[in-house]
Protein backbone atom coordinates (compact mmCIF):
# COMPACT_ATOMS: atom_id res chain seq x y z
CA UNK A 1 -4.74 -3.38 -0.85
CA UNK A 2 -5.93 -3.05 -4.23
CA UNK A 3 -4.78 -3.08 -7.41
CA UNK A 4 -6.40 -0.47 -10.04
CA UNK A 5 -7.36 -0.14 -13.49
CA UNK A 6 -9.43 -2.03 -16.18
CA UNK A 7 -7.51 -5.69 -15.47
CA UNK A 8 -7.97 -5.68 -12.19
CA UNK A 9 -11.42 -4.48 -11.96
CA UNK A 10 -14.72 -6.87 -13.32
CA UNK A 11 -18.34 -5.00 -13.48
CA UNK A 12 -19.97 -7.82 -11.13
CA UNK A 13 -18.17 -5.71 -8.56
CA UNK A 14 -20.53 -2.78 -9.29
CA UNK A 15 -19.81 0.59 -8.58
CA UNK A 16 -17.27 2.91 -10.29
CA UNK A 17 -13.89 1.64 -11.58
CA UNK A 18 -10.98 2.75 -9.37
CA UNK A 19 -8.23 4.53 -10.76
CA UNK A 20 -5.08 6.09 -9.25
CA UNK A 21 -4.78 8.12 -12.81
CA UNK A 22 -3.86 11.99 -11.09
CA UNK A 23 -3.07 10.47 -7.55
CA UNK A 24 -0.19 11.64 -5.79
CA UNK A 25 2.25 8.79 -5.12
CA UNK A 26 2.76 8.42 -1.58
CA UNK A 27 6.18 7.04 -2.02
CA UNK A 28 7.92 9.23 -4.59
CA UNK A 29 5.09 12.12 -4.87
CA UNK A 30 5.10 11.97 -8.26
CA UNK A 31 1.62 11.82 -10.59
CA UNK A 32 0.32 8.28 -10.97
CA UNK A 33 -0.19 8.79 -14.57
CA UNK A 34 -0.76 5.67 -15.51
CA UNK A 35 -3.00 1.70 -14.17
CA UNK A 36 -2.33 -0.24 -12.78
CA UNK A 37 -1.96 1.54 -9.27
CA UNK A 38 -1.83 0.34 -5.71
CA UNK A 39 -4.79 1.98 -3.80
CA UNK A 40 -4.32 1.35 0.23
CA UNK A 41 -7.11 2.28 2.86
CA UNK A 42 -6.20 3.06 6.24
CA UNK A 43 -7.36 4.41 9.44
CA UNK A 44 -6.22 7.58 8.35
CA UNK A 45 -7.71 7.84 4.48
CA UNK A 46 -6.30 6.52 1.53
CA UNK A 47 -2.60 6.35 0.30
CA UNK A 48 -1.64 5.86 -3.76
CA UNK A 49 1.66 3.78 -4.94
CA UNK A 50 2.71 3.42 -8.13
CA UNK A 51 3.31 -0.64 -8.46
CA UNK A 52 7.25 -0.46 -8.34
CA UNK A 53 6.65 2.06 -5.21
CA UNK A 54 4.83 -0.24 -3.44
CA UNK A 55 7.11 -2.76 -4.33
CA UNK A 56 10.00 -0.49 -2.15
CA UNK A 57 7.96 0.10 0.22
CA UNK A 58 7.49 -3.25 1.32
CA UNK A 59 10.78 -4.28 1.27
CA UNK A 60 11.82 -1.25 3.38
CA UNK A 61 8.95 -1.66 5.82
CA UNK A 62 9.89 -5.38 6.43
CA UNK A 63 13.55 -4.23 6.10
CA UNK A 64 12.68 -1.59 9.42
CA UNK A 65 10.59 -4.22 10.96
CA UNK A 66 14.11 -6.56 11.09
CA UNK A 67 16.44 -4.78 12.33
CA UNK A 68 14.58 -3.52 15.02
CA UNK A 69 14.13 -7.08 16.06
CA UNK A 70 17.40 -7.86 15.85
CA UNK A 71 18.77 -5.01 17.82
CA UNK A 72 16.06 -5.05 20.49
CA UNK A 73 16.23 -8.74 20.96
CA UNK A 74 12.52 -9.15 20.65
CA UNK A 75 9.65 -10.09 18.60
CA UNK A 76 6.63 -8.81 17.26
CA UNK A 77 3.79 -10.82 18.16
CA UNK A 78 0.28 -10.61 17.60
CA UNK A 79 -0.60 -9.61 21.11
CA UNK A 80 1.20 -6.49 20.80
CA UNK A 81 -0.73 -5.19 18.52
CA UNK A 82 -3.35 -2.23 19.10
CA UNK A 83 -6.93 -3.56 19.28
CA UNK A 84 -9.87 -0.98 18.17
């Protein structure tokens, strides 16, 4: 995960400064119109998020895991992760 925009990019990193402007937010589906934005690279591609949408998505993902743990009586363990 990375924050985009001039406040979170330094020239010594090289390359082109990443920007989320013009991208579609994965969570709310509206256009990202200002920086910073959050970008995430995963197995199926790249997603872009407004910072607030990243916080909302993170909270909901965590809530889903906690609910699953409570309902199933199981805990998530590192050994259950699928390895490449």
